[in-house]
Amino acid sequence: MPPEDGQPHKLRPAPPHGAELIARYEAIAQASRAMLVAAHADDWEEVRALEDRCRALIVELKAAARVTRLSVAEQRRRIEILRAILANDAGVRTRTEPWLRQLERMLQPARAMRRA
């Protein structure tokens, strides 16, 4: 029976399966590994592009995660992937922090002059 507005029913996409959700986590992990490689190569433009990619993937992941249940095995895999992502992130931060400290030292004289 057609809806009262005369328009055909729009089929809602089926929620992603656990394997699809895990694939999204793996895509984020892959992008974070690539960010780490780019950071070690001092390719900061690539790091920035990959950071944007990760951000977009995370938005997609959050939407899918709201409607997807993971099995116990998938939960374990998810945790493994999250640990890898965190390790990659820590590696990128290790590469950027010396640069940030150097920038901070460069800006300190300017801050002191403004206060005087």
PDB file of N, CA and C in Angstrom:
ATOM      1  N   MET A   1       0.844  -1.175   0.000  1.00  0.00           N
ATOM      2  CA  MET A   1       0.000   0.000   0.000  1.00  0.00           C
ATOM      3  C   MET A   1       0.893   1.244   0.000  1.00  0.00           C
ATOM      4  N   PRO A   2       0.684   2.180  -0.933  1.00  0.00           N
ATOM      5  CA  PRO A   2       1.529   3.373  -0.989  1.00  0.00           C
ATOM      6  C   PRO A   2       1.252   4.290   0.194  1.00  0.00           C
ATOM      7  N   PRO A   3       2.263   5.089   0.565  1.00  0.00           N
ATOM      8  CA  PRO A   3       2.040   6.028   1.675  1.00  0.00           C
ATOM      9  C   PRO A   3       0.981   7.057   1.303  1.00  0.00           C
ATOM     10  N   GLU A   4       0.451   7.725   2.309  1.00  0.00           N
ATOM     11  CA  GLU A   4      -0.640   8.657   2.084  1.00  0.00           C
ATOM     12  C   GLU A   4      -0.259   9.834   1.207  1.00  0.00           C
ATOM     13  N   ASP A   5       1.031  10.186   1.153  1.00  0.00           N
ATOM     14  CA  ASP A   5       1.440  11.327   0.331  1.00  0.00           C
ATOM     15  C   ASP A   5       1.593  10.950  -1.141  1.00  0.00           C
ATOM     16  N   GLY A   6       1.343   9.684  -1.484  1.00  0.00           N
ATOM     17  CA  GLY A   6       1.429   9.240  -2.861  1.00  0.00           C
ATOM     18  C   GLY A   6       2.833   8.935  -3.338  1.00  0.00           C
ATOM     19  N   GLN A   7       3.831   9.185  -2.521  1.00  0.00           N
ATOM     20  CA  GLN A   7       5.224   8.932  -2.884  1.00  0.00           C
ATOM     21  C   GLN A   7       5.582   7.487  -2.565  1.00  0.00           C
ATOM     22  N   PRO A   8       6.425   6.866  -3.400  1.00  0.00           N
ATOM     23  CA  PRO A   8       6.837   5.492  -3.095  1.00  0.00           C
ATOM     24  C   PRO A   8       7.658   5.453  -1.814  1.00  0.00           C
ATOM     25  N   HIS A   9       7.601   4.311  -1.143  1.00  0.00           N
ATOM     26  CA  HIS A   9       8.392   4.134   0.073  1.00  0.00           C
ATOM     27  C   HIS A   9       9.868   4.220  -0.262  1.00  0.00           C
ATOM     28  N   LYS A  10      10.591   4.940   0.526  1.00  0.00           N
ATOM     29  CA  LYS A  10      12.042   4.981   0.364  1.00  0.00           C
ATOM     30  C   LYS A  10      12.621   3.918   1.278  1.00  0.00           C
ATOM     31  N   LEU A  11      13.406   3.079   0.696  1.00  0.00           N
ATOM     32  CA  LEU A  11      14.026   2.022   1.491  1.00  0.00           C
ATOM     33  C   LEU A  11      15.195   2.600   2.269  1.00  0.00           C
ATOM     34  N   ARG A  12      15.216   2.308   3.532  1.00  0.00           N
ATOM     35  CA  ARG A  12      16.351   2.711   4.361  1.00  0.00           C
ATOM     36  C   ARG A  12      17.476   1.728   4.134  1.00  0.00           C
ATOM     37  N   PRO A  13      18.705   2.244   4.046  1.00  0.00           N
ATOM     38  CA  PRO A  13      19.809   1.296   3.895  1.00  0.00           C
ATOM     39  C   PRO A  13      19.923   0.438   5.155  1.00  0.00           C
ATOM     40  N   ALA A  14      20.282  -0.793   4.958  1.00  0.00           N
ATOM     41  CA  ALA A  14      20.456  -1.691   6.097  1.00  0.00           C
ATOM     42  C   ALA A  14      21.645  -1.214   6.925  1.00  0.00           C
ATOM     43  N   PRO A  15      21.563  -1.359   8.250  1.00  0.00           N
ATOM     44  CA  PRO A  15      22.710  -0.956   9.061  1.00  0.00           C
ATOM     45  C   PRO A  15      23.928  -1.795   8.688  1.00  0.00           C
ATOM     46  N   PRO A  16      25.118  -1.202   8.800  1.00  0.00           N
ATOM     47  CA  PRO A  16      26.312  -1.957   8.445  1.00  0.00           C
ATOM     48  C   PRO A  16      26.491  -3.166   9.360  1.00  0.00           C
ATOM     49  N   HIS A  17      27.045  -4.205   8.798  1.00  0.00           N
ATOM     50  CA  HIS A  17      27.377  -5.386   9.591  1.00  0.00           C
ATOM     51  C   HIS A  17      28.659  -5.086  10.372  1.00  0.00           C
ATOM     52  N   GLY A  18      28.924  -5.937  11.364  1.00  0.00           N
ATOM     53  CA  GLY A  18      30.129  -5.753  12.170  1.00  0.00           C
ATOM     54  C   GLY A  18      31.387  -5.720  11.326  1.00  0.00           C
ATOM     55  N   ALA A  19      31.454  -6.563  10.305  1.00  0.00           N
ATOM     56  CA  ALA A  19      32.647  -6.600   9.443  1.00  0.00           C
ATOM     57  C   ALA A  19      32.842  -5.266   8.725  1.00  0.00           C
ATOM     58  N   GLU A  20      31.743  -4.644   8.329  1.00  0.00           N
ATOM     59  CA  GLU A  20      31.839  -3.339   7.666  1.00  0.00           C
ATOM     60  C   GLU A  20      32.341  -2.277   8.643  1.00  0.00           C
ATOM     61  N   LEU A  21      31.872  -2.357   9.872  1.00  0.00           N
ATOM     62  CA  LEU A  21      32.321  -1.399  10.876  1.00  0.00           C
ATOM     63  C   LEU A  21      33.809  -1.590  11.169  1.00  0.00           C
ATOM     64  N   ILE A  22      34.239  -2.835  11.283  1.00  0.00           N
ATOM     65  CA  ILE A  22      35.660  -3.120  11.509  1.00  0.00           C
ATOM     66  C   ILE A  22      36.481  -2.594  10.334  1.00  0.00           C
ATOM     67  N   ALA A  23      35.970  -2.730   9.122  1.00  0.00           N
ATOM     68  CA  ALA A  23      36.675  -2.205   7.953  1.00  0.00           C
ATOM     69  C   ALA A  23      36.851  -0.691   8.050  1.00  0.00           C
ATOM     70  N   ARG A  24      35.878  -0.017   8.629  1.00  0.00           N
ATOM     71  CA  ARG A  24      36.001   1.438   8.818  1.00  0.00           C
ATOM     72  C   ARG A  24      37.100   1.755   9.830  1.00  0.00           C
ATOM     73  N   TYR A  25      37.150   0.993  10.913  1.00  0.00           N
ATOM     74  CA  TYR A  25      38.237   1.176  11.881  1.00  0.00           C
ATOM     75  C   TYR A  25      39.587   0.930  11.213  1.00  0.00           C
ATOM     76  N   GLU A  26      39.658  -0.110  10.394  1.00  0.00           N
ATOM     77  CA  GLU A  26      40.919  -0.429   9.720  1.00  0.00           C
ATOM     78  C   GLU A  26      41.328   0.668   8.746  1.00  0.00           C
ATOM     79  N   ALA A  27      40.370   1.299   8.094  1.00  0.00           N
ATOM     80  CA  ALA A  27      40.680   2.412   7.190  1.00  0.00           C
ATOM     81  C   ALA A  27      41.290   3.578   7.967  1.00  0.00           C
ATOM     82  N   ILE A  28      40.760   3.833   9.154  1.00  0.00           N
ATOM     83  CA  ILE A  28      41.322   4.888   9.999  1.00  0.00           C
ATOM     84  C   ILE A  28      42.730   4.513  10.433  1.00  0.00           C
ATOM     85  N   ALA A  29      42.927   3.253  10.805  1.00  0.00           N
ATOM     86  CA  ALA A  29      44.263   2.794  11.212  1.00  0.00           C
ATOM     87  C   ALA A  29      45.248   2.931  10.061  1.00  0.00           C
ATOM     88  N   GLN A  30      44.818   2.592   8.872  1.00  0.00           N
ATOM     89  CA  GLN A  30      45.698   2.702   7.705  1.00  0.00           C
ATOM     90  C   GLN A  30      46.073   4.164   7.460  1.00  0.00           C
ATOM     91  N   ALA A  31      45.105   5.061   7.557  1.00  0.00           N
ATOM     92  CA  ALA A  31      45.389   6.484   7.379  1.00  0.00           C
ATOM     93  C   ALA A  31      46.314   6.989   8.483  1.00  0.00           C
ATOM     94  N   SER A  32      46.132   6.504   9.713  1.00  0.00           N
ATOM     95  CA  SER A  32      47.005   6.952  10.806  1.00  0.00           C
ATOM     96  C   SER A  32      48.429   6.429  10.619  1.00  0.00           C
ATOM     97  N   ARG A  33      48.566   5.215  10.069  1.00  0.00           N
ATOM     98  CA  ARG A  33      49.916   4.696   9.751  1.00  0.00           C
ATOM     99  C   ARG A  33      50.572   5.556   8.679  1.00  0.00           C
ATOM    100  N   ALA A  34      49.792   5.919   7.668  1.00  0.00           N
ATOM    101  CA  ALA A  34      50.317   6.775   6.609  1.00  0.00           C
ATOM    102  C   ALA A  34      50.716   8.146   7.160  1.00  0.00           C
ATOM    103  N   MET A  35      49.949   8.657   8.130  1.00  0.00           N
ATOM    104  CA  MET A  35      50.310   9.924   8.775  1.00  0.00           C
ATOM    105  C   MET A  35      51.653   9.809   9.472  1.00  0.00           C
ATOM    106  N   LEU A  36      51.868   8.688  10.151  1.00  0.00           N
ATOM    107  CA  LEU A  36      53.132   8.477  10.852  1.00  0.00           C
ATOM    108  C   LEU A  36      54.289   8.433   9.861  1.00  0.00           C
ATOM    109  N   VAL A  37      54.103   7.732   8.756  1.00  0.00           N
ATOM    110  CA  VAL A  37      55.142   7.665   7.723  1.00  0.00           C
ATOM    111  C   VAL A  37      55.426   9.065   7.179  1.00  0.00           C
ATOM    112  N   ALA A  38      54.379   9.815   6.903  1.00  0.00           N
ATOM    113  CA  ALA A  38      54.551  11.183   6.389  1.00  0.00           C
ATOM    114  C   ALA A  38      55.251  12.071   7.415  1.00  0.00           C
ATOM    115  N   ALA A  39      54.916  11.906   8.684  1.00  0.00           N
ATOM    116  CA  ALA A  39      55.567  12.704   9.731  1.00  0.00           C
ATOM    117  C   ALA A  39      57.056  12.383   9.800  1.00  0.00           C
ATOM    118  N   HIS A  40      57.405  11.113   9.685  1.00  0.00           N
ATOM    119  CA  HIS A  40      58.827  10.738   9.704  1.00  0.00           C
ATOM    120  C   HIS A  40      59.562  11.284   8.481  1.00  0.00           C
ATOM    121  N   ALA A  41      58.839  11.492   7.390  1.00  0.00           N
ATOM    122  CA  ALA A  41      59.440  12.060   6.179  1.00  0.00           C
ATOM    123  C   ALA A  41      59.379  13.592   6.181  1.00  0.00           C
ATOM    124  N   ASP A  42      58.882  14.167   7.284  1.00  0.00           N
ATOM    125  CA  ASP A  42      58.689  15.615   7.391  1.00  0.00           C
ATOM    126  C   ASP A  42      57.803  16.165   6.272  1.00  0.00           C
ATOM    127  N   ASP A  43      56.853  15.367   5.835  1.00  0.00           N
ATOM    128  CA  ASP A  43      55.897  15.781   4.804  1.00  0.00           C
ATOM    129  C   ASP A  43      54.629  16.249   5.511  1.00  0.00           C
ATOM    130  N   TRP A  44      54.661  17.482   6.012  1.00  0.00           N
ATOM    131  CA  TRP A  44      53.590  17.989   6.860  1.00  0.00           C
ATOM    132  C   TRP A  44      52.318  18.283   6.078  1.00  0.00           C
ATOM    133  N   GLU A  45      52.457  18.578   4.793  1.00  0.00           N
ATOM    134  CA  GLU A  45      51.251  18.745   3.968  1.00  0.00           C
ATOM    135  C   GLU A  45      50.492  17.422   3.871  1.00  0.00           C
ATOM    136  N   GLU A  46      51.237  16.333   3.703  1.00  0.00           N
ATOM    137  CA  GLU A  46      50.597  15.011   3.638  1.00  0.00           C
ATOM    138  C   GLU A  46      49.991  14.649   4.994  1.00  0.00           C
ATOM    139  N   VAL A  47      50.684  14.981   6.067  1.00  0.00           N
ATOM    140  CA  VAL A  47      50.132  14.722   7.406  1.00  0.00           C
ATOM    141  C   VAL A  47      48.801  15.448   7.550  1.00  0.00           C
ATOM    142  N   ARG A  48      48.777  16.688   7.132  1.00  0.00           N
ATOM    143  CA  ARG A  48      47.546  17.486   7.236  1.00  0.00           C
ATOM    144  C   ARG A  48      46.427  16.880   6.387  1.00  0.00           C
ATOM    145  N   ALA A  49      46.745  16.469   5.164  1.00  0.00           N
ATOM    146  CA  ALA A  49      45.735  15.867   4.286  1.00  0.00           C
ATOM    147  C   ALA A  49      45.208  14.568   4.899  1.00  0.00           C
ATOM    148  N   LEU A  50      46.105  13.770   5.457  1.00  0.00           N
ATOM    149  CA  LEU A  50      45.687  12.511   6.070  1.00  0.00           C
ATOM    150  C   LEU A  50      44.891  12.748   7.349  1.00  0.00           C
ATOM    151  N   GLU A  51      45.225  13.802   8.054  1.00  0.00           N
ATOM    152  CA  GLU A  51      44.453  14.160   9.244  1.00  0.00           C
ATOM    153  C   GLU A  51      43.013  14.498   8.845  1.00  0.00           C
ATOM    154  N   ASP A  52      42.864  15.233   7.755  1.00  0.00           N
ATOM    155  CA  ASP A  52      41.522  15.545   7.247  1.00  0.00           C
ATOM    156  C   ASP A  52      40.792  14.265   6.844  1.00  0.00           C
ATOM    157  N   ARG A  53      41.518  13.350   6.213  1.00  0.00           N
ATOM    158  CA  ARG A  53      40.937  12.066   5.809  1.00  0.00           C
ATOM    159  C   ARG A  53      40.461  11.294   7.041  1.00  0.00           C
ATOM    160  N   CYS A  54      41.294  11.248   8.072  1.00  0.00           N
ATOM    161  CA  CYS A  54      40.914  10.558   9.313  1.00  0.00           C
ATOM    162  C   CYS A  54      39.666  11.181   9.916  1.00  0.00           C
ATOM    163  N   ARG A  55      39.620  12.483   9.912  1.00  0.00           N
ATOM    164  CA  ARG A  55      38.464  13.178  10.481  1.00  0.00           C
ATOM    165  C   ARG A  55      37.185  12.771   9.746  1.00  0.00           C
ATOM    166  N   ALA A  56      37.238  12.722   8.414  1.00  0.00           N
ATOM    167  CA  ALA A  56      36.069  12.327   7.630  1.00  0.00           C
ATOM    168  C   ALA A  56      35.689  10.873   7.903  1.00  0.00           C
ATOM    169  N   LEU A  57      36.694  10.009   7.994  1.00  0.00           N
ATOM    170  CA  LEU A  57      36.424   8.600   8.279  1.00  0.00           C
ATOM    171  C   LEU A  57      35.800   8.425   9.662  1.00  0.00           C
ATOM    172  N   ILE A  58      36.239   9.217  10.613  1.00  0.00           N
ATOM    173  CA  ILE A  58      35.699   9.133  11.974  1.00  0.00           C
ATOM    174  C   ILE A  58      34.229   9.559  11.996  1.00  0.00           C
ATOM    175  N   VAL A  59      33.879  10.578  11.226  1.00  0.00           N
ATOM    176  CA  VAL A  59      32.479  11.003  11.140  1.00  0.00           C
ATOM    177  C   VAL A  59      31.632   9.852  10.612  1.00  0.00           C
ATOM    178  N   GLU A  60      32.101   9.196   9.547  1.00  0.00           N
ATOM    179  CA  GLU A  60      31.380   8.051   8.990  1.00  0.00           C
ATOM    180  C   GLU A  60      31.284   6.917  10.010  1.00  0.00           C
ATOM    181  N   LEU A  61      32.385   6.674  10.700  1.00  0.00           N
ATOM    182  CA  LEU A  61      32.429   5.599  11.693  1.00  0.00           C
ATOM    183  C   LEU A  61      31.420   5.847  12.808  1.00  0.00           C
ATOM    184  N   LYS A  62      31.372   7.059  13.308  1.00  0.00           N
ATOM    185  CA  LYS A  62      30.445   7.378  14.396  1.00  0.00           C
ATOM    186  C   LYS A  62      29.003   7.123  13.984  1.00  0.00           C
ATOM    187  N   ALA A  63      28.656   7.496  12.777  1.00  0.00           N
ATOM    188  CA  ALA A  63      27.290   7.274  12.303  1.00  0.00           C
ATOM    189  C   ALA A  63      26.996   5.785  12.206  1.00  0.00           C
ATOM    190  N   ALA A  64      27.929   5.024  11.684  1.00  0.00           N
ATOM    191  CA  ALA A  64      27.722   3.576  11.530  1.00  0.00           C
ATOM    192  C   ALA A  64      27.720   2.875  12.887  1.00  0.00           C
ATOM    193  N   ALA A  65      28.535   3.337  13.809  1.00  0.00           N
ATOM    194  CA  ALA A  65      28.663   2.683  15.113  1.00  0.00           C
ATOM    195  C   ALA A  65      27.384   2.804  15.941  1.00  0.00           C
ATOM    196  N   ARG A  66      26.594   3.836  15.684  1.00  0.00           N
ATOM    197  CA  ARG A  66      25.352   4.014  16.441  1.00  0.00           C
ATOM    198  C   ARG A  66      24.344   2.920  16.157  1.00  0.00           C
ATOM    199  N   VAL A  67      24.436   2.292  14.990  1.00  0.00           N
ATOM    200  CA  VAL A  67      23.416   1.315  14.601  1.00  0.00           C
ATOM    201  C   VAL A  67      23.975  -0.092  14.399  1.00  0.00           C
ATOM    202  N   THR A  68      25.225  -0.298  14.782  1.00  0.00           N
ATOM    203  CA  THR A  68      25.861  -1.596  14.543  1.00  0.00           C
ATOM    204  C   THR A  68      26.330  -2.205  15.845  1.00  0.00           C
ATOM    205  N   ARG A  69      26.022  -3.465  16.021  1.00  0.00           N
ATOM    206  CA  ARG A  69      26.516  -4.213  17.180  1.00  0.00           C
ATOM    207  C   ARG A  69      27.658  -5.102  16.721  1.00  0.00           C
ATOM    208  N   LEU A  70      28.679  -5.176  17.557  1.00  0.00           N
ATOM    209  CA  LEU A  70      29.836  -6.017  17.252  1.00  0.00           C
ATOM    210  C   LEU A  70      29.801  -7.278  18.097  1.00  0.00           C
ATOM    211  N   SER A  71      30.263  -8.358  17.511  1.00  0.00           N
ATOM    212  CA  SER A  71      30.400  -9.608  18.260  1.00  0.00           C
ATOM    213  C   SER A  71      31.579  -9.451  19.226  1.00  0.00           C
ATOM    214  N   VAL A  72      31.751 -10.410  20.095  1.00  0.00           N
ATOM    215  CA  VAL A  72      32.866 -10.373  21.044  1.00  0.00           C
ATOM    216  C   VAL A  72      34.195 -10.355  20.290  1.00  0.00           C
ATOM    217  N   ALA A  73      34.322 -11.185  19.263  1.00  0.00           N
ATOM    218  CA  ALA A  73      35.559 -11.222  18.468  1.00  0.00           C
ATOM    219  C   ALA A  73      35.782  -9.884  17.765  1.00  0.00           C
ATOM    220  N   GLU A  74      34.714  -9.292  17.253  1.00  0.00           N
ATOM    221  CA  GLU A  74      34.848  -7.992  16.591  1.00  0.00           C
ATOM    222  C   GLU A  74      35.215  -6.901  17.592  1.00  0.00           C
ATOM    223  N   GLN A  75      34.681  -6.990  18.807  1.00  0.00           N
ATOM    224  CA  GLN A  75      35.051  -6.032  19.853  1.00  0.00           C
ATOM    225  C   GLN A  75      36.549  -6.129  20.156  1.00  0.00           C
ATOM    226  N   ARG A  76      37.058  -7.366  20.229  1.00  0.00           N
ATOM    227  CA  ARG A  76      38.496  -7.553  20.473  1.00  0.00           C
ATOM    228  C   ARG A  76      39.318  -6.937  19.344  1.00  0.00           C
ATOM    229  N   ARG A  77      38.892  -7.190  18.113  1.00  0.00           N
ATOM    230  CA  ARG A  77      39.604  -6.633  16.955  1.00  0.00           C
ATOM    231  C   ARG A  77      39.541  -5.115  16.976  1.00  0.00           C
ATOM    232  N   ARG A  78      38.395  -4.573  17.321  1.00  0.00           N
ATOM    233  CA  ARG A  78      38.229  -3.124  17.427  1.00  0.00           C
ATOM    234  C   ARG A  78      39.233  -2.540  18.416  1.00  0.00           C
ATOM    235  N   ILE A  79      39.394  -3.183  19.551  1.00  0.00           N
ATOM    236  CA  ILE A  79      40.342  -2.709  20.571  1.00  0.00           C
ATOM    237  C   ILE A  79      41.772  -2.779  20.051  1.00  0.00           C
ATOM    238  N   GLU A  80      42.124  -3.857  19.342  1.00  0.00           N
ATOM    239  CA  GLU A  80      43.464  -3.961  18.745  1.00  0.00           C
ATOM    240  C   GLU A  80      43.717  -2.807  17.783  1.00  0.00           C
ATOM    241  N   ILE A  81      42.720  -2.530  16.950  1.00  0.00           N
ATOM    242  CA  ILE A  81      42.861  -1.454  15.970  1.00  0.00           C
ATOM    243  C   ILE A  81      42.991  -0.104  16.676  1.00  0.00           C
ATOM    244  N   LEU A  82      42.171   0.123  17.697  1.00  0.00           N
ATOM    245  CA  LEU A  82      42.244   1.391  18.434  1.00  0.00           C
ATOM    246  C   LEU A  82      43.616   1.568  19.081  1.00  0.00           C
ATOM    247  N   ARG A  83      44.176   0.500  19.606  1.00  0.00           N
ATOM    248  CA  ARG A  83      45.526   0.589  20.194  1.00  0.00           C
ATOM    249  C   ARG A  83      46.553   0.965  19.131  1.00  0.00           C
ATOM    250  N   ALA A  84      46.426   0.390  17.945  1.00  0.00           N
ATOM    251  CA  ALA A  84      47.351   0.726  16.855  1.00  0.00           C
ATOM    252  C   ALA A  84      47.197   2.191  16.453  1.00  0.00           C
ATOM    253  N   ILE A  85      45.954   2.656  16.381  1.00  0.00           N
ATOM    254  CA  ILE A  85      45.706   4.058  16.032  1.00  0.00           C
ATOM    255  C   ILE A  85      46.337   4.974  17.077  1.00  0.00           C
ATOM    256  N   LEU A  86      46.156   4.646  18.355  1.00  0.00           N
ATOM    257  CA  LEU A  86      46.743   5.455  19.424  1.00  0.00           C
ATOM    258  C   LEU A  86      48.263   5.450  19.362  1.00  0.00           C
ATOM    259  N   ALA A  87      48.854   4.312  19.049  1.00  0.00           N
ATOM    260  CA  ALA A  87      50.318   4.233  18.922  1.00  0.00           C
ATOM    261  C   ALA A  87      50.796   5.096  17.749  1.00  0.00           C
ATOM    262  N   ASN A  88      50.081   5.034  16.638  1.00  0.00           N
ATOM    263  CA  ASN A  88      50.442   5.873  15.493  1.00  0.00           C
ATOM    264  C   ASN A  88      50.328   7.349  15.847  1.00  0.00           C
ATOM    265  N   ASP A  89      49.254   7.699  16.530  1.00  0.00           N
ATOM    266  CA  ASP A  89      49.045   9.085  16.944  1.00  0.00           C
ATOM    267  C   ASP A  89      50.168   9.550  17.867  1.00  0.00           C
ATOM    268  N   ALA A  90      50.558   8.693  18.788  1.00  0.00           N
ATOM    269  CA  ALA A  90      51.660   9.054  19.694  1.00  0.00           C
ATOM    270  C   ALA A  90      52.951   9.267  18.903  1.00  0.00           C
ATOM    271  N   GLY A  91      53.179   8.432  17.897  1.00  0.00           N
ATOM    272  CA  GLY A  91      54.369   8.599  17.060  1.00  0.00           C
ATOM    273  C   GLY A  91      54.356   9.907  16.303  1.00  0.00           C
ATOM    274  N   VAL A  92      53.198  10.299  15.793  1.00  0.00           N
ATOM    275  CA  VAL A  92      53.091  11.582  15.087  1.00  0.00           C
ATOM    276  C   VAL A  92      53.338  12.718  16.062  1.00  0.00           C
ATOM    277  N   ARG A  93      52.741  12.647  17.242  1.00  0.00           N
ATOM    278  CA  ARG A  93      52.952  13.709  18.245  1.00  0.00           C
ATOM    279  C   ARG A  93      54.413  13.804  18.648  1.00  0.00           C
ATOM    280  N   THR A  94      55.094  12.673  18.753  1.00  0.00           N
ATOM    281  CA  THR A  94      56.517  12.689  19.091  1.00  0.00           C
ATOM    282  C   THR A  94      57.302  13.449  18.033  1.00  0.00           C
ATOM    283  N   ARG A  95      56.896  13.298  16.771  1.00  0.00           N
ATOM    284  CA  ARG A  95      57.576  14.012  15.684  1.00  0.00           C
ATOM    285  C   ARG A  95      57.235  15.495  15.686  1.00  0.00           C
ATOM    286  N   THR A  96      56.024  15.866  16.109  1.00  0.00           N
ATOM    287  CA  THR A  96      55.610  17.267  16.036  1.00  0.00           C
ATOM    288  C   THR A  96      55.970  18.056  17.286  1.00  0.00           C
ATOM    289  N   GLU A  97      56.055  17.413  18.427  1.00  0.00           N
ATOM    290  CA  GLU A  97      56.287  18.160  19.666  1.00  0.00           C
ATOM    291  C   GLU A  97      57.597  18.940  19.672  1.00  0.00           C
ATOM    292  N   PRO A  98      58.717  18.389  19.200  1.00  0.00           N
ATOM    293  CA  PRO A  98      59.934  19.217  19.176  1.00  0.00           C
ATOM    294  C   PRO A  98      59.739  20.471  18.324  1.00  0.00           C
ATOM    295  N   TRP A  99      59.053  20.339  17.212  1.00  0.00           N
ATOM    296  CA  TRP A  99      58.777  21.485  16.359  1.00  0.00           C
ATOM    297  C   TRP A  99      57.896  22.490  17.096  1.00  0.00           C
ATOM    298  N   LEU A 100      56.901  21.989  17.838  1.00  0.00           N
ATOM    299  CA  LEU A 100      56.030  22.887  18.590  1.00  0.00           C
ATOM    300  C   LEU A 100      56.788  23.608  19.698  1.00  0.00           C
ATOM    301  N   ARG A 101      57.694  22.879  20.366  1.00  0.00           N
ATOM    302  CA  ARG A 101      58.503  23.530  21.411  1.00  0.00           C
ATOM    303  C   ARG A 101      59.400  24.604  20.805  1.00  0.00           C
ATOM    304  N   GLN A 102      59.969  24.327  19.638  1.00  0.00           N
ATOM    305  CA  GLN A 102      60.814  25.317  18.961  1.00  0.00           C
ATOM    306  C   GLN A 102      59.983  26.545  18.592  1.00  0.00           C
ATOM    307  N   LEU A 103      58.796  26.331  18.083  1.00  0.00           N
ATOM    308  CA  LEU A 103      57.913  27.436  17.736  1.00  0.00           C
ATOM    309  C   LEU A 103      57.560  28.245  18.985  1.00  0.00           C
ATOM    310  N   GLU A 104      57.285  27.556  20.075  1.00  0.00           N
ATOM    311  CA  GLU A 104      56.968  28.240  21.328  1.00  0.00           C
ATOM    312  C   GLU A 104      58.134  29.114  21.779  1.00  0.00           C
ATOM    313  N   ARG A 105      59.364  28.583  21.675  1.00  0.00           N
ATOM    314  CA  ARG A 105      60.547  29.375  22.052  1.00  0.00           C
ATOM    315  C   ARG A 105      60.687  30.599  21.156  1.00  0.00           C
ATOM    316  N   MET A 106      60.362  30.437  19.880  1.00  0.00           N
ATOM    317  CA  MET A 106      60.458  31.568  18.948  1.00  0.00           C
ATOM    318  C   MET A 106      59.417  32.625  19.277  1.00  0.00           C
ATOM    319  N   LEU A 107      58.253  32.219  19.754  1.00  0.00           N
ATOM    320  CA  LEU A 107      57.183  33.163  20.048  1.00  0.00           C
ATOM    321  C   LEU A 107      57.335  33.832  21.405  1.00  0.00           C
ATOM    322  N   GLN A 108      58.096  33.230  22.303  1.00  0.00           N
ATOM    323  CA  GLN A 108      58.232  33.784  23.656  1.00  0.00           C
ATOM    324  C   GLN A 108      58.796  35.199  23.659  1.00  0.00           C
ATOM    325  N   PRO A 109      59.845  35.518  22.886  1.00  0.00           N
ATOM    326  CA  PRO A 109      60.315  36.911  22.893  1.00  0.00           C
ATOM    327  C   PRO A 109      59.232  37.879  22.429  1.00  0.00           C
ATOM    328  N   ALA A 110      58.430  37.487  21.483  1.00  0.00           N
ATOM    329  CA  ALA A 110      57.356  38.367  21.008  1.00  0.00           C
ATOM    330  C   ALA A 110      56.333  38.591  22.118  1.00  0.00           C
ATOM    331  N   ARG A 111      56.023  37.553  22.866  1.00  0.00           N
ATOM    332  CA  ARG A 111      55.068  37.693  23.983  1.00  0.00           C
ATOM    333  C   ARG A 111      55.648  38.615  25.057  1.00  0.00           C
ATOM    334  N   ALA A 112      56.935  38.460  25.357  1.00  0.00           N
ATOM    335  CA  ALA A 112      57.567  39.293  26.374  1.00  0.00           C
ATOM    336  C   ALA A 112      57.545  40.759  25.950  1.00  0.00           C
ATOM    337  N   MET A 113      57.763  40.999  24.662  1.00  0.00           N
ATOM    338  CA  MET A 113      57.770  42.392  24.177  1.00  0.00           C
ATOM    339  C   MET A 113      56.372  42.995  24.272  1.00  0.00           C
ATOM    340  N   ARG A 114      55.327  42.195  24.035  1.00  0.00           N
ATOM    341  CA  ARG A 114      53.971  42.724  24.109  1.00  0.00           C
ATOM    342  C   ARG A 114      53.605  43.082  25.546  1.00  0.00           C
ATOM    343  N   ARG A 115      54.118  42.310  26.494  1.00  0.00           N
ATOM    344  CA  ARG A 115      53.799  42.577  27.907  1.00  0.00           C
ATOM    345  C   ARG A 115      54.505  43.836  28.404  1.00  0.00           C
ATOM    346  N   ALA A 116      55.651  44.159  27.831  1.00  0.00           N
ATOM    347  CA  ALA A 116      56.438  45.304  28.310  1.00  0.00           C
ATOM    348  C   ALA A 116      55.891  46.619  27.879  1.00  0.00           C
TER     349      ALA A 116
END
